[in-house]
Amino acid sequence: MLGGGFGGLWATRALRSAPVRITLVDRTNHHLFQPLLYQVATAGLSGPDIAAPLRHILREQRNVTVLMDEARSLVRGRW
């Protein structure tokens, strides 16, 4: 799974009980709730209030490995 944004997290959580191993790759180690970013900019909230570590969010999902890395290319293969 590429990215720990809303789409990546929802897809990963939807596969919770599937018989698959999931590797979630993201450049950062946290999920940022961007709709509240303006409140951090105006000092209404602190940064940690709108960011949570991906490993913490997925800590109870046994079929997930979280890697902090960057995808540089995708290779098309035969499935």
PDB file of N, CA and C in Angstrom:
ATOM      1  N   MET A   1       0.869  -1.146   0.000  1.00  0.00           N
ATOM      2  CA  MET A   1       0.000   0.000   0.000  1.00  0.00           C
ATOM      3  C   MET A   1       0.924   1.219   0.000  1.00  0.00           C
ATOM      4  N   LEU A   2       0.688   2.129  -0.917  1.00  0.00           N
ATOM      5  CA  LEU A   2       1.504   3.339  -0.982  1.00  0.00           C
ATOM      6  C   LEU A   2       0.769   4.497  -0.329  1.00  0.00           C
ATOM      7  N   GLY A   3       1.316   5.008   0.744  1.00  0.00           N
ATOM      8  CA  GLY A   3       0.778   6.181   1.403  1.00  0.00           C
ATOM      9  C   GLY A   3      -0.094   5.865   2.603  1.00  0.00           C
ATOM     10  N   GLY A   4       0.127   6.636   3.654  1.00  0.00           N
ATOM     11  CA  GLY A   4      -0.634   6.481   4.890  1.00  0.00           C
ATOM     12  C   GLY A   4      -1.644   7.587   5.070  1.00  0.00           C
ATOM     13  N   GLY A   5      -2.156   8.111   3.963  1.00  0.00           N
ATOM     14  CA  GLY A   5      -3.217   9.111   4.035  1.00  0.00           C
ATOM     15  C   GLY A   5      -4.552   8.424   4.270  1.00  0.00           C
ATOM     16  N   PHE A   6      -5.627   9.168   4.025  1.00  0.00           N
ATOM     17  CA  PHE A   6      -6.954   8.604   4.257  1.00  0.00           C
ATOM     18  C   PHE A   6      -7.195   7.352   3.422  1.00  0.00           C
ATOM     19  N   GLY A   7      -6.850   7.386   2.130  1.00  0.00           N
ATOM     20  CA  GLY A   7      -7.080   6.235   1.254  1.00  0.00           C
ATOM     21  C   GLY A   7      -6.285   5.017   1.669  1.00  0.00           C
ATOM     22  N   GLY A   8      -4.996   5.214   1.957  1.00  0.00           N
ATOM     23  CA  GLY A   8      -4.147   4.105   2.372  1.00  0.00           C
ATOM     24  C   GLY A   8      -4.589   3.479   3.680  1.00  0.00           C
ATOM     25  N   LEU A   9      -4.963   4.322   4.643  1.00  0.00           N
ATOM     26  CA  LEU A   9      -5.419   3.795   5.931  1.00  0.00           C
ATOM     27  C   LEU A   9      -6.744   3.053   5.808  1.00  0.00           C
ATOM     28  N   TRP A  10      -7.689   3.625   5.055  1.00  0.00           N
ATOM     29  CA  TRP A  10      -8.989   2.963   4.905  1.00  0.00           C
ATOM     30  C   TRP A  10      -8.837   1.634   4.178  1.00  0.00           C
ATOM     31  N   ALA A  11      -8.028   1.592   3.141  1.00  0.00           N
ATOM     32  CA  ALA A  11      -7.824   0.339   2.409  1.00  0.00           C
ATOM     33  C   ALA A  11      -7.138  -0.703   3.288  1.00  0.00           C
ATOM     34  N   THR A  12      -6.144  -0.281   4.044  1.00  0.00           N
ATOM     35  CA  THR A  12      -5.436  -1.195   4.939  1.00  0.00           C
ATOM     36  C   THR A  12      -6.370  -1.746   6.004  1.00  0.00           C
ATOM     37  N   ARG A  13      -7.183  -0.890   6.590  1.00  0.00           N
ATOM     38  CA  ARG A  13      -8.122  -1.338   7.618  1.00  0.00           C
ATOM     39  C   ARG A  13      -9.219  -2.234   7.039  1.00  0.00           C
ATOM     40  N   ALA A  14      -9.607  -1.992   5.784  1.00  0.00           N
ATOM     41  CA  ALA A  14     -10.628  -2.824   5.150  1.00  0.00           C
ATOM     42  C   ALA A  14     -10.120  -4.254   4.944  1.00  0.00           C
ATOM     43  N   LEU A  15      -8.801  -4.421   4.847  1.00  0.00           N
ATOM     44  CA  LEU A  15      -8.196  -5.742   4.660  1.00  0.00           C
ATOM     45  C   LEU A  15      -7.793  -6.401   5.972  1.00  0.00           C
ATOM     46  N   ARG A  16      -8.315  -5.897   7.069  1.00  0.00           N
ATOM     47  CA  ARG A  16      -7.954  -6.393   8.407  1.00  0.00           C
ATOM     48  C   ARG A  16      -8.107  -7.907   8.531  1.00  0.00           C
ATOM     49  N   SER A  17      -9.211  -8.447   8.079  1.00  0.00           N
ATOM     50  CA  SER A  17      -9.446  -9.884   8.251  1.00  0.00           C
ATOM     51  C   SER A  17      -9.149 -10.699   6.988  1.00  0.00           C
ATOM     52  N   ALA A  18      -8.617 -10.061   5.964  1.00  0.00           N
ATOM     53  CA  ALA A  18      -8.267 -10.782   4.737  1.00  0.00           C
ATOM     54  C   ALA A  18      -6.999 -11.609   4.954  1.00  0.00           C
ATOM     55  N   PRO A  19      -6.870 -12.732   4.279  1.00  0.00           N
ATOM     56  CA  PRO A  19      -5.681 -13.574   4.429  1.00  0.00           C
ATOM     57  C   PRO A  19      -4.511 -13.050   3.587  1.00  0.00           C
ATOM     58  N   VAL A  20      -4.094 -11.827   3.855  1.00  0.00           N
ATOM     59  CA  VAL A  20      -3.000 -11.197   3.113  1.00  0.00           C
ATOM     60  C   VAL A  20      -2.041 -10.527   4.082  1.00  0.00           C
ATOM     61  N   ARG A  21      -0.814 -10.310   3.602  1.00  0.00           N
ATOM     62  CA  ARG A  21       0.171  -9.517   4.341  1.00  0.00           C
ATOM     63  C   ARG A  21       0.251  -8.169   3.647  1.00  0.00           C
ATOM     64  N   ILE A  22       0.183  -7.091   4.401  1.00  0.00           N
ATOM     65  CA  ILE A  22       0.181  -5.745   3.847  1.00  0.00           C
ATOM     66  C   ILE A  22       1.437  -5.019   4.300  1.00  0.00           C
ATOM     67  N   THR A  23       2.107  -4.362   3.360  1.00  0.00           N
ATOM     68  CA  THR A  23       3.213  -3.475   3.683  1.00  0.00           C
ATOM     69  C   THR A  23       2.772  -2.073   3.314  1.00  0.00           C
ATOM     70  N   LEU A  24       2.658  -1.215   4.311  1.00  0.00           N
ATOM     71  CA  LEU A  24       2.260   0.178   4.110  1.00  0.00           C
ATOM     72  C   LEU A  24       3.525   1.021   4.051  1.00  0.00           C
ATOM     73  N   VAL A  25       3.732   1.724   2.938  1.00  0.00           N
ATOM     74  CA  VAL A  25       4.933   2.529   2.735  1.00  0.00           C
ATOM     75  C   VAL A  25       4.542   4.003   2.698  1.00  0.00           C
ATOM     76  N   ASP A  26       5.203   4.808   3.516  1.00  0.00           N
ATOM     77  CA  ASP A  26       4.942   6.246   3.541  1.00  0.00           C
ATOM     78  C   ASP A  26       6.255   6.973   3.817  1.00  0.00           C
ATOM     79  N   ARG A  27       6.368   8.189   3.296  1.00  0.00           N
ATOM     80  CA  ARG A  27       7.581   8.981   3.512  1.00  0.00           C
ATOM     81  C   ARG A  27       7.712   9.476   4.942  1.00  0.00           C
ATOM     82  N   THR A  28       6.580   9.601   5.635  1.00  0.00           N
ATOM     83  CA  THR A  28       6.606  10.046   7.027  1.00  0.00           C
ATOM     84  C   THR A  28       6.108   8.919   7.916  1.00  0.00           C
ATOM     85  N   ASN A  29       6.305   9.050   9.196  1.00  0.00           N
ATOM     86  CA  ASN A  29       5.874   7.993  10.105  1.00  0.00           C
ATOM     87  C   ASN A  29       4.553   8.342  10.793  1.00  0.00           C
ATOM     88  N   HIS A  30       3.817   9.284  10.225  1.00  0.00           N
ATOM     89  CA  HIS A  30       2.566   9.692  10.856  1.00  0.00           C
ATOM     90  C   HIS A  30       1.483   9.985   9.822  1.00  0.00           C
ATOM     91  N   HIS A  31       0.237   9.930  10.300  1.00  0.00           N
ATOM     92  CA  HIS A  31      -0.921  10.333   9.498  1.00  0.00           C
ATOM     93  C   HIS A  31      -1.307  11.727   9.964  1.00  0.00           C
ATOM     94  N   LEU A  32      -1.404  12.652   9.029  1.00  0.00           N
ATOM     95  CA  LEU A  32      -1.737  14.044   9.342  1.00  0.00           C
ATOM     96  C   LEU A  32      -3.187  14.314   8.960  1.00  0.00           C
ATOM     97  N   PHE A  33      -3.977  14.774   9.921  1.00  0.00           N
ATOM     98  CA  PHE A  33      -5.370  15.117   9.665  1.00  0.00           C
ATOM     99  C   PHE A  33      -5.412  16.557   9.175  1.00  0.00           C
ATOM    100  N   GLN A  34      -5.268  16.717   7.848  1.00  0.00           N
ATOM    101  CA  GLN A  34      -5.120  18.039   7.240  1.00  0.00           C
ATOM    102  C   GLN A  34      -6.297  18.984   7.414  1.00  0.00           C
ATOM    103  N   PRO A  35      -7.541  18.497   7.542  1.00  0.00           N
ATOM    104  CA  PRO A  35      -8.634  19.453   7.730  1.00  0.00           C
ATOM    105  C   PRO A  35      -8.475  20.360   8.959  1.00  0.00           C
ATOM    106  N   LEU A  36      -7.685  19.961   9.938  1.00  0.00           N
ATOM    107  CA  LEU A  36      -7.472  20.790  11.125  1.00  0.00           C
ATOM    108  C   LEU A  36      -6.132  21.522  11.111  1.00  0.00           C
ATOM    109  N   LEU A  37      -5.422  21.469  10.002  1.00  0.00           N
ATOM    110  CA  LEU A  37      -4.114  22.113   9.911  1.00  0.00           C
ATOM    111  C   LEU A  37      -4.194  23.626  10.162  1.00  0.00           C
ATOM    112  N   TYR A  38      -5.275  24.248   9.717  1.00  0.00           N
ATOM    113  CA  TYR A  38      -5.421  25.690   9.931  1.00  0.00           C
ATOM    114  C   TYR A  38      -5.463  26.039  11.421  1.00  0.00           C
ATOM    115  N   GLN A  39      -5.979  25.138  12.263  1.00  0.00           N
ATOM    116  CA  GLN A  39      -6.029  25.418  13.698  1.00  0.00           C
ATOM    117  C   GLN A  39      -4.645  25.369  14.330  1.00  0.00           C
ATOM    118  N   VAL A  40      -3.760  24.572  13.773  1.00  0.00           N
ATOM    119  CA  VAL A  40      -2.374  24.570  14.250  1.00  0.00           C
ATOM    120  C   VAL A  40      -1.710  25.881  13.844  1.00  0.00           C
ATOM    121  N   ALA A  41      -1.988  26.338  12.623  1.00  0.00           N
ATOM    122  CA  ALA A  41      -1.399  27.586  12.131  1.00  0.00           C
ATOM    123  C   ALA A  41      -1.872  28.795  12.935  1.00  0.00           C
ATOM    124  N   THR A  42      -3.075  28.728  13.482  1.00  0.00           N
ATOM    125  CA  THR A  42      -3.596  29.853  14.270  1.00  0.00           C
ATOM    126  C   THR A  42      -3.472  29.617  15.767  1.00  0.00           C
ATOM    127  N   ALA A  43      -2.684  28.627  16.165  1.00  0.00           N
ATOM    128  CA  ALA A  43      -2.385  28.305  17.565  1.00  0.00           C
ATOM    129  C   ALA A  43      -3.606  27.812  18.338  1.00  0.00           C
ATOM    130  N   GLY A  44      -4.589  27.277  17.642  1.00  0.00           N
ATOM    131  CA  GLY A  44      -5.742  26.696  18.319  1.00  0.00           C
ATOM    132  C   GLY A  44      -5.469  25.277  18.784  1.00  0.00           C
ATOM    133  N   LEU A  45      -4.608  24.577  18.079  1.00  0.00           N
ATOM    134  CA  LEU A  45      -4.211  23.209  18.416  1.00  0.00           C
ATOM    135  C   LEU A  45      -2.704  23.091  18.268  1.00  0.00           C
ATOM    136  N   SER A  46      -2.143  22.086  18.917  1.00  0.00           N
ATOM    137  CA  SER A  46      -0.715  21.829  18.727  1.00  0.00           C
ATOM    138  C   SER A  46      -0.552  20.764  17.646  1.00  0.00           C
ATOM    139  N   GLY A  47       0.613  20.678  17.073  1.00  0.00           N
ATOM    140  CA  GLY A  47       0.896  19.720  16.001  1.00  0.00           C
ATOM    141  C   GLY A  47       0.543  18.278  16.342  1.00  0.00           C
ATOM    142  N   PRO A  48       0.936  17.775  17.521  1.00  0.00           N
ATOM    143  CA  PRO A  48       0.610  16.382  17.860  1.00  0.00           C
ATOM    144  C   PRO A  48      -0.891  16.106  17.975  1.00  0.00           C
ATOM    145  N   ASP A  49      -1.708  17.147  18.111  1.00  0.00           N
ATOM    146  CA  ASP A  49      -3.153  16.934  18.189  1.00  0.00           C
ATOM    147  C   ASP A  49      -3.753  16.484  16.868  1.00  0.00           C
ATOM    148  N   ILE A  50      -3.088  16.758  15.751  1.00  0.00           N
ATOM    149  CA  ILE A  50      -3.641  16.390  14.452  1.00  0.00           C
ATOM    150  C   ILE A  50      -2.770  15.383  13.702  1.00  0.00           C
ATOM    151  N   ALA A  51      -1.758  14.844  14.357  1.00  0.00           N
ATOM    152  CA  ALA A  51      -0.884  13.847  13.730  1.00  0.00           C
ATOM    153  C   ALA A  51      -0.740  12.650  14.669  1.00  0.00           C
ATOM    154  N   ALA A  52      -0.879  11.450  14.104  1.00  0.00           N
ATOM    155  CA  ALA A  52      -0.731  10.228  14.897  1.00  0.00           C
ATOM    156  C   ALA A  52       0.203   9.272  14.159  1.00  0.00           C
ATOM    157  N   PRO A  53       1.096   8.601  14.884  1.00  0.00           N
ATOM    158  CA  PRO A  53       1.996   7.640  14.237  1.00  0.00           C
ATOM    159  C   PRO A  53       1.211   6.510  13.563  1.00  0.00           C
ATOM    160  N   LEU A  54       1.605   6.169  12.348  1.00  0.00           N
ATOM    161  CA  LEU A  54       0.935   5.099  11.612  1.00  0.00           C
ATOM    162  C   LEU A  54       0.999   3.768  12.364  1.00  0.00           C
ATOM    163  N   ARG A  55       2.128   3.484  12.970  1.00  0.00           N
ATOM    164  CA  ARG A  55       2.254   2.224  13.714  1.00  0.00           C
ATOM    165  C   ARG A  55       1.291   2.178  14.892  1.00  0.00           C
ATOM    166  N   HIS A  56       1.025   3.329  15.489  1.00  0.00           N
ATOM    167  CA  HIS A  56       0.087   3.385  16.606  1.00  0.00           C
ATOM    168  C   HIS A  56      -1.348   3.162  16.115  1.00  0.00           C
ATOM    169  N   ILE A  57      -1.702   3.765  14.999  1.00  0.00           N
ATOM    170  CA  ILE A  57      -3.048   3.612  14.441  1.00  0.00           C
ATOM    171  C   ILE A  57      -3.326   2.150  14.084  1.00  0.00           C
ATOM    172  N   LEU A  58      -2.309   1.470  13.558  1.00  0.00           N
ATOM    173  CA  LEU A  58      -2.475   0.091  13.070  1.00  0.00           C
ATOM    174  C   LEU A  58      -1.910  -0.950  14.026  1.00  0.00           C
ATOM    175  N   ARG A  59      -1.676  -0.582  15.269  1.00  0.00           N
ATOM    176  CA  ARG A  59      -0.984  -1.464  16.213  1.00  0.00           C
ATOM    177  C   ARG A  59      -1.692  -2.802  16.463  1.00  0.00           C
ATOM    178  N   GLU A  60      -2.998  -2.856  16.356  1.00  0.00           N
ATOM    179  CA  GLU A  60      -3.722  -4.099  16.625  1.00  0.00           C
ATOM    180  C   GLU A  60      -3.978  -4.934  15.374  1.00  0.00           C
ATOM    181  N   GLN A  61      -3.569  -4.432  14.218  1.00  0.00           N
ATOM    182  CA  GLN A  61      -3.771  -5.163  12.968  1.00  0.00           C
ATOM    183  C   GLN A  61      -2.520  -5.973  12.667  1.00  0.00           C
ATOM    184  N   ARG A  62      -2.608  -7.259  12.864  1.00  0.00           N
ATOM    185  CA  ARG A  62      -1.444  -8.147  12.793  1.00  0.00           C
ATOM    186  C   ARG A  62      -0.904  -8.391  11.398  1.00  0.00           C
ATOM    187  N   ASN A  63      -1.684  -8.110  10.350  1.00  0.00           N
ATOM    188  CA  ASN A  63      -1.221  -8.422   8.998  1.00  0.00           C
ATOM    189  C   ASN A  63      -0.583  -7.216   8.299  1.00  0.00           C
ATOM    190  N   VAL A  64      -0.148  -6.220   9.078  1.00  0.00           N
ATOM    191  CA  VAL A  64       0.417  -4.999   8.497  1.00  0.00           C
ATOM    192  C   VAL A  64       1.841  -4.770   8.989  1.00  0.00           C
ATOM    193  N   THR A  65       2.703  -4.390   8.057  1.00  0.00           N
ATOM    194  CA  THR A  65       4.042  -3.902   8.368  1.00  0.00           C
ATOM    195  C   THR A  65       4.124  -2.487   7.823  1.00  0.00           C
ATOM    196  N   VAL A  66       4.573  -1.539   8.648  1.00  0.00           N
ATOM    197  CA  VAL A  66       4.683  -0.144   8.229  1.00  0.00           C
ATOM    198  C   VAL A  66       6.151   0.177   7.977  1.00  0.00           C
ATOM    199  N   LEU A  67       6.443   0.688   6.782  1.00  0.00           N
ATOM    200  CA  LEU A  67       7.809   1.078   6.430  1.00  0.00           C
ATOM    201  C   LEU A  67       7.862   2.567   6.127  1.00  0.00           C
ATOM    202  N   MET A  68       8.851   3.240   6.672  1.00  0.00           N
ATOM    203  CA  MET A  68       9.065   4.645   6.349  1.00  0.00           C
ATOM    204  C   MET A  68      10.061   4.675   5.195  1.00  0.00           C
ATOM    205  N   ASP A  69       9.525   4.899   4.005  1.00  0.00           N
ATOM    206  CA  ASP A  69      10.340   4.869   2.798  1.00  0.00           C
ATOM    207  C   ASP A  69       9.619   5.649   1.712  1.00  0.00           C
ATOM    208  N   GLU A  70      10.188   5.655   0.528  1.00  0.00           N
ATOM    209  CA  GLU A  70       9.607   6.393  -0.590  1.00  0.00           C
ATOM    210  C   GLU A  70       9.608   5.513  -1.819  1.00  0.00           C
ATOM    211  N   ALA A  71       8.495   5.462  -2.518  1.00  0.00           N
ATOM    212  CA  ALA A  71       8.413   4.719  -3.769  1.00  0.00           C
ATOM    213  C   ALA A  71       8.946   5.615  -4.880  1.00  0.00           C
ATOM    214  N   ARG A  72       9.926   5.146  -5.599  1.00  0.00           N
ATOM    215  CA  ARG A  72      10.534   5.938  -6.670  1.00  0.00           C
ATOM    216  C   ARG A  72      10.067   5.504  -8.035  1.00  0.00           C
ATOM    217  N   SER A  73       9.600   4.285  -8.155  1.00  0.00           N
ATOM    218  CA  SER A  73       9.062   3.824  -9.433  1.00  0.00           C
ATOM    219  C   SER A  73       8.192   2.597  -9.191  1.00  0.00           C
ATOM    220  N   LEU A  74       7.337   2.331 -10.161  1.00  0.00           N
ATOM    221  CA  LEU A  74       6.510   1.133 -10.136  1.00  0.00           C
ATOM    222  C   LEU A  74       6.850   0.320 -11.363  1.00  0.00           C
ATOM    223  N   VAL A  75       7.064  -0.947 -11.180  1.00  0.00           N
ATOM    224  CA  VAL A  75       7.418  -1.832 -12.283  1.00  0.00           C
ATOM    225  C   VAL A  75       6.207  -2.665 -12.620  1.00  0.00           C
ATOM    226  N   ARG A  76       5.821  -2.635 -13.861  1.00  0.00           N
ATOM    227  CA  ARG A  76       4.666  -3.416 -14.290  1.00  0.00           C
ATOM    228  C   ARG A  76       5.093  -4.856 -14.465  1.00  0.00           C
ATOM    229  N   GLY A  77       4.366  -5.732 -13.796  1.00  0.00           N
ATOM    230  CA  GLY A  77       4.698  -7.153 -13.881  1.00  0.00           C
ATOM    231  C   GLY A  77       3.534  -7.954 -14.377  1.00  0.00           C
ATOM    232  N   ARG A  78       3.754  -9.218 -14.568  1.00  0.00           N
ATOM    233  CA  ARG A  78       2.685 -10.120 -14.981  1.00  0.00           C
ATOM    234  C   ARG A  78       2.080 -10.724 -13.734  1.00  0.00           C
ATOM    235  N   TRP A  79       0.794 -10.673 -13.640  1.00  0.00           N
ATOM    236  CA  TRP A  79       0.104 -11.230 -12.470  1.00  0.00           C
ATOM    237  C   TRP A  79      -0.546 -12.469 -12.883  1.00  0.00           C
TER     238      TRP A  79
END
